[in-house]
PDB file of all heavy atoms in Angstrom:
ATOM      1  N   ALA A   1      12.189  -4.249  17.370  1.00  0.00           N
ATOM      2  CA  ALA A   1      13.429  -4.990  17.124  1.00  0.00           C
ATOM      3  C   ALA A   1      13.171  -6.424  16.682  1.00  0.00           C
ATOM      4  O   ALA A   1      13.882  -6.960  15.824  1.00  0.00           O
ATOM      5  CB  ALA A   1      14.291  -4.983  18.392  1.00  0.00           C
ATOM      6  N   VAL A   2      12.162  -7.071  17.255  1.00  0.00           N
ATOM      7  CA  VAL A   2      11.961  -8.508  17.034  1.00  0.00           C
ATOM      8  C   VAL A   2      10.917  -8.814  15.954  1.00  0.00           C
ATOM      9  O   VAL A   2      11.033  -9.820  15.251  1.00  0.00           O
ATOM     10  CB  VAL A   2      11.565  -9.207  18.363  1.00  0.00           C
ATOM     11  CG1 VAL A   2      11.418 -10.711  18.166  1.00  0.00           C
ATOM     12  CG2 VAL A   2      12.598  -8.923  19.439  1.00  0.00           C
ATOM     13  N   ALA A   3       9.913  -7.961  15.809  1.00  0.00           N
ATOM     14  CA  ALA A   3       8.825  -8.253  14.867  1.00  0.00           C
ATOM     15  C   ALA A   3       9.303  -8.511  13.439  1.00  0.00           C
ATOM     16  O   ALA A   3       8.817  -9.451  12.794  1.00  0.00           O
ATOM     17  CB  ALA A   3       7.789  -7.129  14.892  1.00  0.00           C
ATOM     18  N   PRO A   4      10.242  -7.716  12.887  1.00  0.00           N
ATOM     19  CA  PRO A   4      10.683  -8.008  11.512  1.00  0.00           C
ATOM     20  C   PRO A   4      11.276  -9.407  11.352  1.00  0.00           C
ATOM     21  O   PRO A   4      11.087 -10.055  10.317  1.00  0.00           O
ATOM     22  CB  PRO A   4      11.755  -6.929  11.255  1.00  0.00           C
ATOM     23  CG  PRO A   4      11.358  -5.796  12.153  1.00  0.00           C
ATOM     24  CD  PRO A   4      10.846  -6.464  13.400  1.00  0.00           C
ATOM     25  N   ILE A   5      11.997  -9.883  12.370  1.00  0.00           N
ATOM     26  CA  ILE A   5      12.546 -11.238  12.331  1.00  0.00           C
ATOM     27  C   ILE A   5      11.414 -12.256  12.348  1.00  0.00           C
ATOM     28  O   ILE A   5      11.418 -13.239  11.595  1.00  0.00           O
ATOM     29  CB  ILE A   5      13.494 -11.473  13.524  1.00  0.00           C
ATOM     30  CG1 ILE A   5      14.662 -10.490  13.478  1.00  0.00           C
ATOM     31  CG2 ILE A   5      14.021 -12.905  13.526  1.00  0.00           C
ATOM     32  CD1 ILE A   5      15.563 -10.535  14.691  1.00  0.00           C
ATOM     33  N   ALA A   6      10.421 -12.023  13.205  1.00  0.00           N
ATOM     34  CA  ALA A   6       9.272 -12.935  13.301  1.00  0.00           C
ATOM     35  C   ALA A   6       8.505 -12.994  11.984  1.00  0.00           C
ATOM     36  O   ALA A   6       8.046 -14.056  11.563  1.00  0.00           O
ATOM     37  CB  ALA A   6       8.349 -12.477  14.428  1.00  0.00           C
ATOM     38  N   ILE A   7       8.378 -11.851  11.330  1.00  0.00           N
ATOM     39  CA  ILE A   7       7.659 -11.788  10.051  1.00  0.00           C
ATOM     40  C   ILE A   7       8.363 -12.652   9.006  1.00  0.00           C
ATOM     41  O   ILE A   7       7.734 -13.419   8.274  1.00  0.00           O
ATOM     42  CB  ILE A   7       7.556 -10.320   9.568  1.00  0.00           C
ATOM     43  CG1 ILE A   7       6.655  -9.522  10.521  1.00  0.00           C
ATOM     44  CG2 ILE A   7       7.018 -10.249   8.141  1.00  0.00           C
ATOM     45  CD1 ILE A   7       6.797  -8.018  10.377  1.00  0.00           C
ATOM     46  N   GLY A   8       9.687 -12.539   8.951  1.00  0.00           N
ATOM     47  CA  GLY A   8      10.451 -13.347   8.001  1.00  0.00           C
ATOM     48  C   GLY A   8      10.365 -14.826   8.309  1.00  0.00           C
ATOM     49  O   GLY A   8      10.250 -15.656   7.398  1.00  0.00           O
ATOM     50  N   MET A   9      10.406 -15.176   9.585  1.00  0.00           N
ATOM     51  CA  MET A   9      10.297 -16.578   9.974  1.00  0.00           C
ATOM     52  C   MET A   9       8.939 -17.152   9.614  1.00  0.00           C
ATOM     53  O   MET A   9       8.829 -18.306   9.175  1.00  0.00           O
ATOM     54  CB  MET A   9      10.563 -16.728  11.477  1.00  0.00           C
ATOM     55  CG  MET A   9      12.018 -16.571  11.872  1.00  0.00           C
ATOM     56  SD  MET A   9      12.298 -16.947  13.616  1.00  0.00           S
ATOM     57  CE  MET A   9      14.091 -17.043  13.650  1.00  0.00           C
ATOM     58  N   ALA A  10       7.897 -16.369   9.800  1.00  0.00           N
ATOM     59  CA  ALA A  10       6.549 -16.825   9.449  1.00  0.00           C
ATOM     60  C   ALA A  10       6.448 -17.095   7.958  1.00  0.00           C
ATOM     61  O   ALA A  10       5.858 -18.094   7.520  1.00  0.00           O
ATOM     62  CB  ALA A  10       5.524 -15.771   9.869  1.00  0.00           C
ATOM     63  N   SER A  11       7.045 -16.229   7.164  1.00  0.00           N
ATOM     64  CA  SER A  11       6.994 -16.370   5.706  1.00  0.00           C
ATOM     65  C   SER A  11       7.677 -17.645   5.233  1.00  0.00           C
ATOM     66  O   SER A  11       7.171 -18.339   4.349  1.00  0.00           O
ATOM     67  CB  SER A  11       7.650 -15.153   5.050  1.00  0.00           C
ATOM     68  OG  SER A  11       7.746 -15.308   3.661  1.00  0.00           O
ATOM     69  N   LYS A  12       8.805 -18.000   5.855  1.00  0.00           N
ATOM     70  CA  LYS A  12       9.582 -19.138   5.385  1.00  0.00           C
ATOM     71  C   LYS A  12       9.229 -20.458   6.072  1.00  0.00           C
ATOM     72  O   LYS A  12       9.556 -21.530   5.556  1.00  0.00           O
ATOM     73  CB  LYS A  12      11.074 -18.852   5.548  1.00  0.00           C
ATOM     74  CG  LYS A  12      11.541 -17.683   4.685  1.00  0.00           C
ATOM     75  CD  LYS A  12      13.036 -17.609   4.595  1.00  0.00           C
ATOM     76  CE  LYS A  12      13.439 -16.498   3.629  1.00  0.00           C
ATOM     77  NZ  LYS A  12      14.909 -16.430   3.432  1.00  0.00           N
ATOM     78  N   SER A  13       8.580 -20.373   7.216  1.00  0.00           N
ATOM     79  CA  SER A  13       8.251 -21.599   7.952  1.00  0.00           C
ATOM     80  C   SER A  13       6.825 -22.069   7.704  1.00  0.00           C
ATOM     81  O   SER A  13       6.491 -23.217   7.965  1.00  0.00           O
ATOM     82  CB  SER A  13       8.447 -21.383   9.460  1.00  0.00           C
ATOM     83  OG  SER A  13       7.491 -20.455   9.955  1.00  0.00           O
ATOM     84  N   GLY A  14       5.970 -21.161   7.218  1.00  0.00           N
ATOM     85  CA  GLY A  14       4.574 -21.528   7.009  1.00  0.00           C
ATOM     86  C   GLY A  14       3.702 -21.317   8.227  1.00  0.00           C
ATOM     87  O   GLY A  14       2.496 -21.540   8.181  1.00  0.00           O
ATOM     88  N   ILE A  15       4.307 -20.873   9.340  1.00  0.00           N
ATOM     89  CA  ILE A  15       3.523 -20.574  10.537  1.00  0.00           C
ATOM     90  C   ILE A  15       2.719 -19.296  10.279  1.00  0.00           C
ATOM     91  O   ILE A  15       3.171 -18.384   9.599  1.00  0.00           O
ATOM     92  CB  ILE A  15       4.440 -20.369  11.759  1.00  0.00           C
ATOM     93  CG1 ILE A  15       5.217 -21.647  12.058  1.00  0.00           C
ATOM     94  CG2 ILE A  15       3.627 -19.978  13.003  1.00  0.00           C
ATOM     95  CD1 ILE A  15       6.234 -21.504  13.167  1.00  0.00           C
ATOM     96  N   SER A  16       1.521 -19.243  10.834  1.00  0.00           N
ATOM     97  CA  SER A  16       0.671 -18.071  10.670  1.00  0.00           C
ATOM     98  C   SER A  16       1.413 -16.804  11.093  1.00  0.00           C
ATOM     99  O   SER A  16       2.025 -16.747  12.165  1.00  0.00           O
ATOM    100  CB  SER A  16      -0.595 -18.227  11.513  1.00  0.00           C
ATOM    101  OG  SER A  16      -1.247 -16.989  11.688  1.00  0.00           O
ATOM    102  N   LEU A  17       1.349 -15.783  10.244  1.00  0.00           N
ATOM    103  CA  LEU A  17       1.992 -14.502  10.553  1.00  0.00           C
ATOM    104  C   LEU A  17       1.405 -13.904  11.825  1.00  0.00           C
ATOM    105  O   LEU A  17       2.133 -13.389  12.677  1.00  0.00           O
ATOM    106  CB  LEU A  17       1.822 -13.545   9.377  1.00  0.00           C
ATOM    107  CG  LEU A  17       2.378 -12.127   9.542  1.00  0.00           C
ATOM    108  CD1 LEU A  17       3.866 -12.167   9.870  1.00  0.00           C
ATOM    109  CD2 LEU A  17       2.132 -11.317   8.280  1.00  0.00           C
ATOM    110  N   ALA A  18       0.082 -13.963  11.963  1.00  0.00           N
ATOM    111  CA  ALA A  18      -0.568 -13.404  13.149  1.00  0.00           C
ATOM    112  C   ALA A  18      -0.097 -14.112  14.418  1.00  0.00           C
ATOM    113  O   ALA A  18       0.098 -13.481  15.464  1.00  0.00           O
ATOM    114  CB  ALA A  18      -2.088 -13.512  13.017  1.00  0.00           C
ATOM    115  N   LEU A  19       0.128 -15.432  14.335  1.00  0.00           N
ATOM    116  CA  LEU A  19       0.572 -16.193  15.500  1.00  0.00           C
ATOM    117  C   LEU A  19       1.984 -15.797  15.928  1.00  0.00           C
ATOM    118  O   LEU A  19       2.260 -15.637  17.121  1.00  0.00           O
ATOM    119  CB  LEU A  19       0.525 -17.696  15.201  1.00  0.00           C
ATOM    120  CG  LEU A  19      -0.854 -18.357  15.224  1.00  0.00           C
ATOM    121  CD1 LEU A  19      -0.756 -19.787  14.727  1.00  0.00           C
ATOM    122  CD2 LEU A  19      -1.441 -18.327  16.634  1.00  0.00           C
ATOM    123  N   THR A  20       2.872 -15.641  14.959  1.00  0.00           N
ATOM    124  CA  THR A  20       4.245 -15.269  15.322  1.00  0.00           C
ATOM    125  C   THR A  20       4.285 -13.860  15.899  1.00  0.00           C
ATOM    126  O   THR A  20       5.007 -13.598  16.868  1.00  0.00           O
ATOM    127  CB  THR A  20       5.180 -15.353  14.101  1.00  0.00           C
ATOM    128  OG1 THR A  20       4.670 -14.526  13.053  1.00  0.00           O
ATOM    129  CG2 THR A  20       5.314 -16.769  13.599  1.00  0.00           C
ATOM    130  N   ILE A  21       3.504 -12.958  15.326  1.00  0.00           N
ATOM    131  CA  ILE A  21       3.447 -11.592  15.853  1.00  0.00           C
ATOM    132  C   ILE A  21       2.823 -11.593  17.247  1.00  0.00           C
ATOM    133  O   ILE A  21       3.258 -10.860  18.147  1.00  0.00           O
ATOM    134  CB  ILE A  21       2.646 -10.684  14.901  1.00  0.00           C
ATOM    135  CG1 ILE A  21       3.426 -10.452  13.611  1.00  0.00           C
ATOM    136  CG2 ILE A  21       2.337  -9.342  15.561  1.00  0.00           C
ATOM    137  CD1 ILE A  21       4.742  -9.734  13.790  1.00  0.00           C
ATOM    138  N   GLY A  22       1.810 -12.428  17.456  1.00  0.00           N
ATOM    139  CA  GLY A  22       1.181 -12.539  18.774  1.00  0.00           C
ATOM    140  C   GLY A  22       2.175 -12.999  19.832  1.00  0.00           C
ATOM    141  O   GLY A  22       2.148 -12.530  20.968  1.00  0.00           O
ATOM    142  N   ALA A  23       3.074 -13.924  19.448  1.00  0.00           N
ATOM    143  CA  ALA A  23       4.096 -14.402  20.386  1.00  0.00           C
ATOM    144  C   ALA A  23       5.054 -13.278  20.764  1.00  0.00           C
ATOM    145  O   ALA A  23       5.459 -13.141  21.927  1.00  0.00           O
ATOM    146  CB  ALA A  23       4.864 -15.566  19.765  1.00  0.00           C
ATOM    147  N   VAL A  24       5.413 -12.455  19.789  1.00  0.00           N
ATOM    148  CA  VAL A  24       6.318 -11.331  20.043  1.00  0.00           C
ATOM    149  C   VAL A  24       5.669 -10.302  20.968  1.00  0.00           C
ATOM    150  O   VAL A  24       6.280  -9.848  21.936  1.00  0.00           O
ATOM    151  CB  VAL A  24       6.734 -10.656  18.714  1.00  0.00           C
ATOM    152  CG1 VAL A  24       7.502  -9.361  18.988  1.00  0.00           C
ATOM    153  CG2 VAL A  24       7.578 -11.600  17.876  1.00  0.00           C
ATOM    154  N   VAL A  25       4.414  -9.948  20.673  1.00  0.00           N
ATOM    155  CA  VAL A  25       3.712  -8.956  21.502  1.00  0.00           C
ATOM    156  C   VAL A  25       3.527  -9.491  22.928  1.00  0.00           C
ATOM    157  O   VAL A  25       3.707  -8.760  23.907  1.00  0.00           O
ATOM    158  CB  VAL A  25       2.351  -8.580  20.878  1.00  0.00           C
ATOM    159  CG1 VAL A  25       1.576  -7.642  21.805  1.00  0.00           C
ATOM    160  CG2 VAL A  25       2.554  -7.923  19.523  1.00  0.00           C
ATOM    161  N   GLY A  26       3.181 -10.769  23.052  1.00  0.00           N
ATOM    162  CA  GLY A  26       3.012 -11.364  24.381  1.00  0.00           C
ATOM    163  C   GLY A  26       4.281 -11.325  25.195  1.00  0.00           C
ATOM    164  O   GLY A  26       4.278 -10.927  26.368  1.00  0.00           O
TER     165      GLY A  26
END
């Protein structure tokens, strides 16, 4: 449910994709 939102945020914010996904999994 949350990962697709995190992926989009990473793309537009410049934050590392792996980092945003790591936050979701954690």
